[in-house]
Amino acid sequence: MDPILVSVICGFSVTFAGLMLKYAFRSKCSHVNLCWGCVAIERDPEAENKEEQIELDHGINLSSDSSISSPK
């Protein structure tokens, strides 16, 4: 098989997977189906919005693994 064709197919596959994930996590829906139902994602967007608002209000980042800084 031609190496250029393999590179193009791999690149397309990675880009498609990235776009699917981007769509799933930007969506404000609690249930997202991708690839005609092959990938189903359940999430709580209301809790994510509350967490994001707390981060903005207090100047902290709750989603990182590093130590939480004190509020400013």
Protein backbone atom coordinates (compact mmCIF):
# COMPACT_ATOMS: atom_id res chain seq x y z
CA MET A 1 0.00 0.00 0.00
CA ASP A 2 1.25 3.46 -0.84
CA PRO A 3 2.70 5.27 2.25
CA ILE A 4 1.15 8.56 1.15
CA LEU A 5 -2.31 6.98 1.02
CA VAL A 6 -1.83 5.51 4.48
CA SER A 7 -0.77 8.93 5.80
CA VAL A 8 -3.81 10.59 4.27
CA ILE A 9 -6.19 7.97 5.69
CA CYS A 10 -4.61 8.23 9.16
CA GLY A 11 -4.75 12.01 9.06
CA PHE A 12 -8.38 11.98 8.02
CA SER A 13 -9.25 9.49 10.77
CA VAL A 14 -7.54 11.50 13.50
CA THR A 15 -9.14 14.73 12.30
CA PHE A 16 -12.59 13.11 12.21
CA ALA A 17 -12.16 11.73 15.74
CA GLY A 18 -11.02 15.14 16.99
CA LEU A 19 -13.98 16.89 15.44
CA MET A 20 -16.36 14.35 17.00
CA LEU A 21 -14.91 14.97 20.45
CA LYS A 22 -15.00 18.73 19.95
CA TYR A 23 -18.67 18.54 18.98
CA ALA A 24 -19.51 16.29 21.92
CA PHE A 25 -17.92 18.51 24.54
CA ARG A 26 -19.10 21.83 23.11
CA SER A 27 -22.66 20.63 22.99
CA LYS A 28 -24.91 21.75 25.84
CA CYS A 29 -26.97 18.57 25.58
CA SER A 30 -26.95 15.95 28.34
CA HIS A 31 -27.03 13.08 25.84
CA VAL A 32 -24.99 13.14 22.62
CA ASN A 33 -24.92 10.39 19.95
CA LEU A 34 -22.06 10.35 17.45
CA CYS A 35 -21.43 8.16 14.41
CA TRP A 36 -25.08 7.20 14.04
CA GLY A 37 -25.34 5.95 17.62
CA CYS A 38 -22.02 4.08 17.82
CA VAL A 39 -20.69 6.54 20.39
CA ALA A 40 -23.06 7.72 23.11
CA ILE A 41 -21.96 10.33 25.64
CA GLU A 42 -23.87 11.15 28.82
CA ARG A 43 -22.88 14.30 30.67
CA ASP A 44 -24.19 16.94 33.06
CA PRO A 45 -23.77 20.34 31.35
CA GLU A 46 -25.43 22.20 34.24
CA ALA A 47 -22.78 21.00 36.71
CA GLU A 48 -20.04 21.85 34.20
CA ASN A 49 -21.44 25.37 33.83
CA LYS A 50 -21.53 25.82 37.62
CA GLU A 51 -17.93 24.64 37.93
CA GLU A 52 -16.85 27.00 35.15
CA GLN A 53 -18.63 29.92 36.83
CA ILE A 54 -16.90 29.17 40.16
CA GLU A 55 -13.55 29.13 38.36
CA LEU A 56 -14.27 32.50 36.77
CA ASP A 57 -15.57 34.08 40.00
CA HIS A 58 -12.64 32.98 42.13
CA GLY A 59 -9.82 32.92 39.60
CA ILE A 60 -9.04 29.24 40.16
CA ASN A 61 -8.82 26.22 37.90
CA LEU A 62 -10.64 23.23 39.40
CA SER A 63 -10.08 20.96 36.41
CA SER A 64 -6.29 20.89 36.51
CA ASP A 65 -4.22 18.40 38.49
CA SER A 66 -1.95 21.12 39.86
CA SER A 67 -2.50 22.65 43.25
CA ILE A 68 -5.39 25.07 43.52
CA SER A 69 -4.29 28.66 43.88
CA SER A 70 -5.83 30.93 46.46
CA PRO A 71 -8.53 33.37 45.32
CA LYS A 72 -7.35 36.79 44.26
